[in-house]
Amino acid sequence: DYNKNNKRVGYVFRDRYKSQYIYDRDYLFKCIKYIHLNPVKANLVNTEQDYKFSSYNDFKNKTGFVDNELIKLVFKNEDNYMTLFNSISDVDIEIMDIEEEDYNFEIAVQNYLKRNKVQLEKIKESKILLYSFSSELLSKGYKQNRIAKKLEISPSQISKVLRKNKYP
C-alpha cells in the first residue's frame, strides 16, 4: 500500500499542486536548468545528460524531439540554450529549493541589492542604507527579525534607525 510505505494518509494527489508564475526570461532559464538538474540532485544519475527521460539532450543535441521553433522563440537560436544553461550559477539554482515565502524574500533582497548596486556588508555599515533596505522590505510585509537575520545584526539596530523616521 502506497500510503503505508510512505507514511501518508488520504489520496495521493489530494493536495493542490504548487505553481508559480514565471515573470521574466532570466527566471525561465533558471527554471529549465533547475528541472534538468533535478535527476542529478536526486542521485538518479551523475550528469543531466545521463537521464533518459529529460529533454536536456534534446536541447543540447537538437534531436528534434523538442520543438525547434519554440526553442528559437524562447532562446533566439538553438545554440543559445547551452550558453545560457552554463552561465546560470549553482547559487541561482539552489535558491529555487527554498520555500516560496523564503524565495520571495531572497528575490526582494537580491532586487534591492542589484537596483542599488550595493552589497549586504555595506548596508550594515551605513544607517542610510539600513534605513532604505529595511523600509523597503518592511513595506513588502517582511518582518524586522527576518531582515535582521539576513543582515546578521540585531533587530534593535534596525529599530533604532527606523525610529528616527528619517535618514540619520
Protein backbone atom coordinates (compact mmCIF):
# COMPACT_ATOMS: atom_id res chain seq x y z
CA ASP A 1 0.00 0.00 0.00
CA TYR A 2 1.47 3.35 -1.12
CA ASN A 3 0.29 5.30 1.91
CA LYS A 4 1.62 2.76 4.38
CA ASN A 5 5.02 2.53 2.67
CA ASN A 6 5.35 6.32 2.52
CA LYS A 7 3.80 7.05 5.93
CA ARG A 8 0.98 9.08 4.37
CA VAL A 9 -2.79 9.27 4.68
CA GLY A 10 -5.50 10.08 2.15
CA TYR A 11 -5.40 10.34 -1.61
CA VAL A 12 -2.01 10.54 -3.29
CA PHE A 13 -2.97 13.70 -5.18
CA ARG A 14 -5.33 15.20 -2.63
CA ASP A 15 -3.47 18.49 -2.12
CA ARG A 16 -3.34 21.21 -4.74
CA TYR A 17 -0.06 21.23 -6.56
CA LYS A 18 2.16 24.24 -6.13
CA SER A 19 2.71 26.52 -9.10
CA GLN A 20 4.48 29.79 -9.57
CA TYR A 21 4.37 32.36 -12.35
CA ILE A 22 7.44 32.88 -14.49
CA TYR A 23 7.66 36.62 -14.99
CA ASP A 24 10.86 37.04 -16.99
CA ARG A 25 13.31 35.24 -19.25
CA ASP A 26 16.01 35.05 -16.58
CA TYR A 27 13.71 33.14 -14.24
CA LEU A 28 12.53 30.91 -17.10
CA PHE A 29 16.11 29.87 -17.84
CA LYS A 30 16.75 29.16 -14.16
CA CYS A 31 13.61 27.01 -14.01
CA ILE A 32 14.64 24.99 -17.05
CA LYS A 33 18.11 24.39 -15.64
CA TYR A 34 16.60 23.51 -12.26
CA ILE A 35 14.37 20.90 -13.91
CA HIS A 36 17.24 19.47 -15.95
CA LEU A 37 19.40 19.15 -12.83
CA ASN A 38 16.73 17.52 -10.65
CA PRO A 39 17.70 13.92 -11.56
CA VAL A 40 21.32 14.72 -10.62
CA LYS A 41 20.26 16.24 -7.29
CA ALA A 42 18.09 13.18 -6.62
CA ASN A 43 21.16 10.98 -7.25
CA LEU A 44 19.41 9.14 -10.07
CA VAL A 45 22.25 9.91 -12.49
CA ASN A 46 25.71 11.51 -12.42
CA THR A 47 25.07 14.18 -15.05
CA GLU A 48 21.97 15.75 -16.55
CA GLN A 49 22.62 14.17 -19.96
CA ASP A 50 22.50 10.68 -18.39
CA TYR A 51 18.80 10.95 -17.52
CA LYS A 52 16.94 9.40 -20.44
CA PHE A 53 13.57 10.99 -19.58
CA SER A 54 14.91 14.55 -19.69
CA SER A 55 14.69 16.98 -22.59
CA TYR A 56 18.24 18.17 -21.80
CA ASN A 57 19.80 16.10 -24.58
CA ASP A 58 17.15 17.32 -27.00
CA PHE A 59 18.13 20.90 -26.25
CA LYS A 60 21.83 20.11 -26.42
CA ASN A 61 21.90 17.78 -29.43
CA LYS A 62 18.87 19.15 -31.30
CA THR A 63 17.33 15.70 -31.76
CA GLY A 64 14.05 17.20 -32.93
CA PHE A 65 12.01 15.92 -30.01
CA VAL A 66 11.75 19.42 -28.56
CA ASP A 67 10.03 21.85 -30.93
CA ASN A 68 12.86 23.80 -32.58
CA GLU A 69 10.53 26.71 -33.35
CA LEU A 70 9.76 27.06 -29.65
CA ILE A 71 13.47 26.97 -28.81
CA LYS A 72 14.15 29.65 -31.41
CA LEU A 73 11.36 31.79 -30.00
CA VAL A 74 12.48 31.48 -26.39
CA PHE A 75 16.26 31.36 -26.82
CA LYS A 76 16.58 33.41 -30.03
CA ASN A 77 18.53 30.50 -31.54
CA GLU A 78 19.10 26.86 -30.65
CA ASP A 79 22.77 27.30 -29.73
CA ASN A 80 21.98 29.97 -27.17
CA TYR A 81 20.43 27.47 -24.77
CA MET A 82 23.67 25.74 -23.82
CA THR A 83 25.42 29.09 -23.33
CA LEU A 84 22.61 30.23 -21.04
CA PHE A 85 22.48 26.87 -19.27
CA ASN A 86 26.17 27.00 -18.45
CA SER A 87 26.05 30.66 -17.37
CA ILE A 88 23.47 30.07 -14.61
CA SER A 89 25.25 29.64 -11.29
CA ASP A 90 24.65 26.86 -8.79
CA VAL A 91 23.57 29.52 -6.26
CA ASP A 92 20.78 30.61 -8.61
CA ILE A 93 19.57 27.02 -8.77
CA GLU A 94 19.91 26.31 -5.05
CA ILE A 95 17.72 29.28 -4.21
CA MET A 96 14.87 27.58 -6.07
CA ASP A 97 14.75 24.85 -3.41
CA ILE A 98 13.81 27.39 -0.78
CA GLU A 99 10.14 27.59 0.21
CA GLU A 100 8.14 30.12 -1.79
CA GLU A 101 7.94 32.70 1.02
CA ASP A 102 11.69 32.44 1.62
CA TYR A 103 12.31 32.51 -2.11
CA ASN A 104 10.29 35.71 -2.49
CA PHE A 105 12.22 37.27 0.39
CA GLU A 106 15.53 36.34 -1.24
CA ILE A 107 14.35 37.75 -4.56
CA ALA A 108 13.30 41.00 -2.84
CA VAL A 109 16.75 41.23 -1.22
CA GLN A 110 18.56 40.48 -4.48
CA ASN A 111 16.44 43.01 -6.38
CA TYR A 112 17.27 45.70 -3.81
CA LEU A 113 20.99 44.89 -3.95
CA LYS A 114 21.05 44.86 -7.73
CA ARG A 115 18.96 48.01 -8.15
CA ASN A 116 21.07 49.94 -5.62
CA LYS A 117 24.37 48.36 -6.68
CA VAL A 118 25.23 47.54 -3.08
CA GLN A 119 26.28 44.53 -1.04
CA LEU A 120 24.81 43.37 2.27
CA GLU A 121 28.01 44.27 4.10
CA LYS A 122 27.66 47.90 3.02
CA ILE A 123 24.06 48.01 4.27
CA LYS A 124 25.21 47.01 7.75
CA GLU A 125 27.82 49.78 7.74
CA SER A 126 25.51 52.61 6.64
CA LYS A 127 22.50 53.89 8.56
CA ILE A 128 21.10 55.44 5.39
CA LEU A 129 21.31 52.14 3.50
CA LEU A 130 20.00 50.22 6.52
CA TYR A 131 17.01 52.56 6.71
CA SER A 132 16.32 52.28 2.97
CA PHE A 133 16.77 48.49 2.85
CA SER A 134 14.69 47.82 5.97
CA SER A 135 11.92 50.24 4.97
CA GLU A 136 11.57 48.64 1.56
CA LEU A 137 11.41 45.09 2.89
CA LEU A 138 9.07 46.04 5.72
CA SER A 139 6.76 47.72 3.20
CA LYS A 140 6.63 44.40 1.33
CA GLY A 141 5.45 42.67 4.50
CA TYR A 142 8.68 41.06 5.69
CA LYS A 143 9.34 41.02 9.42
CA GLN A 144 12.06 43.03 11.10
CA ASN A 145 13.53 39.89 12.71
CA ARG A 146 13.90 38.27 9.31
CA ILE A 147 15.62 41.33 7.86
CA ALA A 148 17.97 41.47 10.86
CA LYS A 149 18.79 37.78 10.49
CA LYS A 150 19.63 38.28 6.81
CA LEU A 151 21.96 41.15 7.71
CA GLU A 152 23.35 39.25 10.72
CA ILE A 153 22.57 42.14 13.04
CA SER A 154 20.19 42.57 15.95
CA PRO A 155 16.61 43.68 15.34
CA SER A 156 17.25 46.57 17.74
CA GLN A 157 19.79 48.05 15.32
CA ILE A 158 17.07 48.26 12.70
CA SER A 159 14.59 49.65 15.25
CA LYS A 160 16.96 52.48 16.20
CA VAL A 161 17.36 53.57 12.59
CA LEU A 162 13.66 53.26 11.80
CA ARG A 163 12.57 55.11 14.97
CA LYS A 164 14.20 58.26 13.72
CA ASN A 165 11.73 58.01 10.81
CA LYS A 166 14.13 59.77 8.50
CA TYR A 167 17.63 59.36 7.20
CA PRO A 168 20.09 59.65 10.08
